[in-house]
């Protein structure tokens, strides 16, 4: 294994780990918001009230969009790390 392959492998691990660790927080918060909305929908269905608002954007919808963007950015960073590791494996 060449020095370049080793350097690429080590350098690729850092963004991969950082990206995955940064994606965990927003992803868990996004899942919690989805679970809360599903619970509210079940409650409204049980009570016989109206289901979701037609076309209205709530604060939770905006927050979910922000969280999805953060997860997407963190996963792009992780993907760059994976690509660097793969290039390091392919370089001999």
C-alpha atoms as a PDB file:
ATOM      1  CA  UNK A   1       0.000   0.000   0.000  1.00  0.00           C
ATOM      2  CA  UNK A   2       1.435   3.327  -1.047  1.00  0.00           C
ATOM      3  CA  UNK A   3       1.734   6.379   1.132  1.00  0.00           C
ATOM      4  CA  UNK A   4      -0.789   8.219  -1.043  1.00  0.00           C
ATOM      5  CA  UNK A   5      -3.370   5.460  -0.560  1.00  0.00           C
ATOM      6  CA  UNK A   6      -2.827   5.518   3.187  1.00  0.00           C
ATOM      7  CA  UNK A   7      -3.137   9.315   3.346  1.00  0.00           C
ATOM      8  CA  UNK A   8      -6.331   9.274   1.265  1.00  0.00           C
ATOM      9  CA  UNK A   9      -7.799   6.570   3.471  1.00  0.00           C
ATOM     10  CA  UNK A  10      -7.019   8.412   6.689  1.00  0.00           C
ATOM     11  CA  UNK A  11      -8.122  11.786   5.297  1.00  0.00           C
ATOM     12  CA  UNK A  12     -11.350  10.213   3.999  1.00  0.00           C
ATOM     13  CA  UNK A  13     -12.282   8.777   7.377  1.00  0.00           C
ATOM     14  CA  UNK A  14     -12.465  12.211   9.013  1.00  0.00           C
ATOM     15  CA  UNK A  15     -15.197  13.762   6.817  1.00  0.00           C
ATOM     16  CA  UNK A  16     -17.058  10.459   6.783  1.00  0.00           C
ATOM     17  CA  UNK A  17     -17.196  10.309  10.562  1.00  0.00           C
ATOM     18  CA  UNK A  18     -17.939  14.017  10.947  1.00  0.00           C
ATOM     19  CA  UNK A  19     -20.711  13.903   8.351  1.00  0.00           C
ATOM     20  CA  UNK A  20     -22.421  10.922   9.941  1.00  0.00           C
ATOM     21  CA  UNK A  21     -22.182  12.360  13.429  1.00  0.00           C
ATOM     22  CA  UNK A  22     -23.611  15.704  12.247  1.00  0.00           C
ATOM     23  CA  UNK A  23     -26.508  13.967  10.502  1.00  0.00           C
ATOM     24  CA  UNK A  24     -27.638  12.055  13.593  1.00  0.00           C
ATOM     25  CA  UNK A  25     -29.049  14.989  15.568  1.00  0.00           C
ATOM     26  CA  UNK A  26     -31.202  16.574  12.853  1.00  0.00           C
ATOM     27  CA  UNK A  27     -32.381  13.151  11.649  1.00  0.00           C
ATOM     28  CA  UNK A  28     -33.588  12.140  15.119  1.00  0.00           C
ATOM     29  CA  UNK A  29     -35.352  15.503  15.558  1.00  0.00           C
ATOM     30  CA  UNK A  30     -36.982  15.095  12.126  1.00  0.00           C
ATOM     31  CA  UNK A  31     -38.229  11.640  13.077  1.00  0.00           C
ATOM     32  CA  UNK A  32     -39.598  13.008  16.359  1.00  0.00           C
ATOM     33  CA  UNK A  33     -41.520  15.739  14.487  1.00  0.00           C
ATOM     34  CA  UNK A  34     -42.972  13.175  12.085  1.00  0.00           C
ATOM     35  CA  UNK A  35     -44.023  10.955  14.992  1.00  0.00           C
ATOM     36  CA  UNK A  36     -45.676  13.900  16.741  1.00  0.00           C
ATOM     37  CA  UNK A  37     -47.595  14.830  13.587  1.00  0.00           C
ATOM     38  CA  UNK A  38     -48.725  11.224  13.084  1.00  0.00           C
ATOM     39  CA  UNK A  39     -49.894  11.106  16.687  1.00  0.00           C
ATOM     40  CA  UNK A  40     -51.855  14.333  16.209  1.00  0.00           C
ATOM     41  CA  UNK A  41     -53.479  12.972  13.061  1.00  0.00           C
ATOM     42  CA  UNK A  42     -54.507   9.787  14.878  1.00  0.00           C
ATOM     43  CA  UNK A  43     -55.956  11.857  17.704  1.00  0.00           C
ATOM     44  CA  UNK A  44     -57.920  14.074  15.312  1.00  0.00           C
ATOM     45  CA  UNK A  45     -59.237  10.995  13.502  1.00  0.00           C
ATOM     46  CA  UNK A  46     -60.269   9.458  16.827  1.00  0.00           C
ATOM     47  CA  UNK A  47     -62.030  12.665  17.896  1.00  0.00           C
ATOM     48  CA  UNK A  48     -63.682  13.025  14.506  1.00  0.00           C
ATOM     49  CA  UNK A  49     -62.174  16.425  13.827  1.00  0.00           C
ATOM     50  CA  UNK A  50     -60.825  17.680  10.526  1.00  0.00           C
ATOM     51  CA  UNK A  51     -57.641  16.101   9.264  1.00  0.00           C
ATOM     52  CA  UNK A  52     -54.615  18.167   8.176  1.00  0.00           C
ATOM     53  CA  UNK A  53     -55.079  21.701   6.909  1.00  0.00           C
ATOM     54  CA  UNK A  54     -55.385  22.003   3.153  1.00  0.00           C
ATOM     55  CA  UNK A  55     -52.301  23.779   1.839  1.00  0.00           C
ATOM     56  CA  UNK A  56     -51.339  25.549   5.059  1.00  0.00           C
ATOM     57  CA  UNK A  57     -47.656  25.624   5.978  1.00  0.00           C
ATOM     58  CA  UNK A  58     -46.997  25.186   9.669  1.00  0.00           C
ATOM     59  CA  UNK A  59     -43.892  25.892  11.679  1.00  0.00           C
ATOM     60  CA  UNK A  60     -43.311  22.158  11.933  1.00  0.00           C
ATOM     61  CA  UNK A  61     -43.295  21.904   8.127  1.00  0.00           C
ATOM     62  CA  UNK A  62     -40.666  24.620   7.907  1.00  0.00           C
ATOM     63  CA  UNK A  63     -38.591  22.991  10.635  1.00  0.00           C
ATOM     64  CA  UNK A  64     -38.779  19.631   8.886  1.00  0.00           C
ATOM     65  CA  UNK A  65     -37.509  21.245   5.671  1.00  0.00           C
ATOM     66  CA  UNK A  66     -34.601  22.831   7.547  1.00  0.00           C
ATOM     67  CA  UNK A  67     -33.751  19.537   9.242  1.00  0.00           C
ATOM     68  CA  UNK A  68     -33.869  17.660   5.929  1.00  0.00           C
ATOM     69  CA  UNK A  69     -31.473  20.216   4.438  1.00  0.00           C
ATOM     70  CA  UNK A  70     -29.062  19.802   7.354  1.00  0.00           C
ATOM     71  CA  UNK A  71     -29.147  16.024   7.041  1.00  0.00           C
ATOM     72  CA  UNK A  72     -28.579  16.271   3.294  1.00  0.00           C
ATOM     73  CA  UNK A  73     -25.548  18.557   3.795  1.00  0.00           C
ATOM     74  CA  UNK A  74     -24.051  16.261   6.436  1.00  0.00           C
ATOM     75  CA  UNK A  75     -24.534  13.205   4.228  1.00  0.00           C
ATOM     76  CA  UNK A  76     -22.804  14.975   1.336  1.00  0.00           C
ATOM     77  CA  UNK A  77     -19.806  15.546   3.597  1.00  0.00           C
ATOM     78  CA  UNK A  78     -19.878  11.869   4.595  1.00  0.00           C
ATOM     79  CA  UNK A  79     -20.098  10.849   0.933  1.00  0.00           C
ATOM     80  CA  UNK A  80     -17.000  12.896   0.134  1.00  0.00           C
ATOM     81  CA  UNK A  81     -15.181  10.994   2.869  1.00  0.00           C
ATOM     82  CA  UNK A  82     -16.317   7.659   1.472  1.00  0.00           C
ATOM     83  CA  UNK A  83     -15.164   8.650  -2.003  1.00  0.00           C
ATOM     84  CA  UNK A  84     -11.747   9.600  -0.633  1.00  0.00           C
ATOM     85  CA  UNK A  85     -11.444   6.237   1.125  1.00  0.00           C
ATOM     86  CA  UNK A  86     -12.455   4.399  -2.048  1.00  0.00           C
ATOM     87  CA  UNK A  87      -9.932   6.346  -4.119  1.00  0.00           C
ATOM     88  CA  UNK A  88      -7.326   5.485  -1.499  1.00  0.00           C
ATOM     89  CA  UNK A  89      -8.175   1.789  -1.836  1.00  0.00           C
ATOM     90  CA  UNK A  90      -8.020   1.927  -5.620  1.00  0.00           C
ATOM     91  CA  UNK A  91      -4.675   3.776  -5.703  1.00  0.00           C
ATOM     92  CA  UNK A  92      -1.839   1.345  -5.221  1.00  0.00           C
END
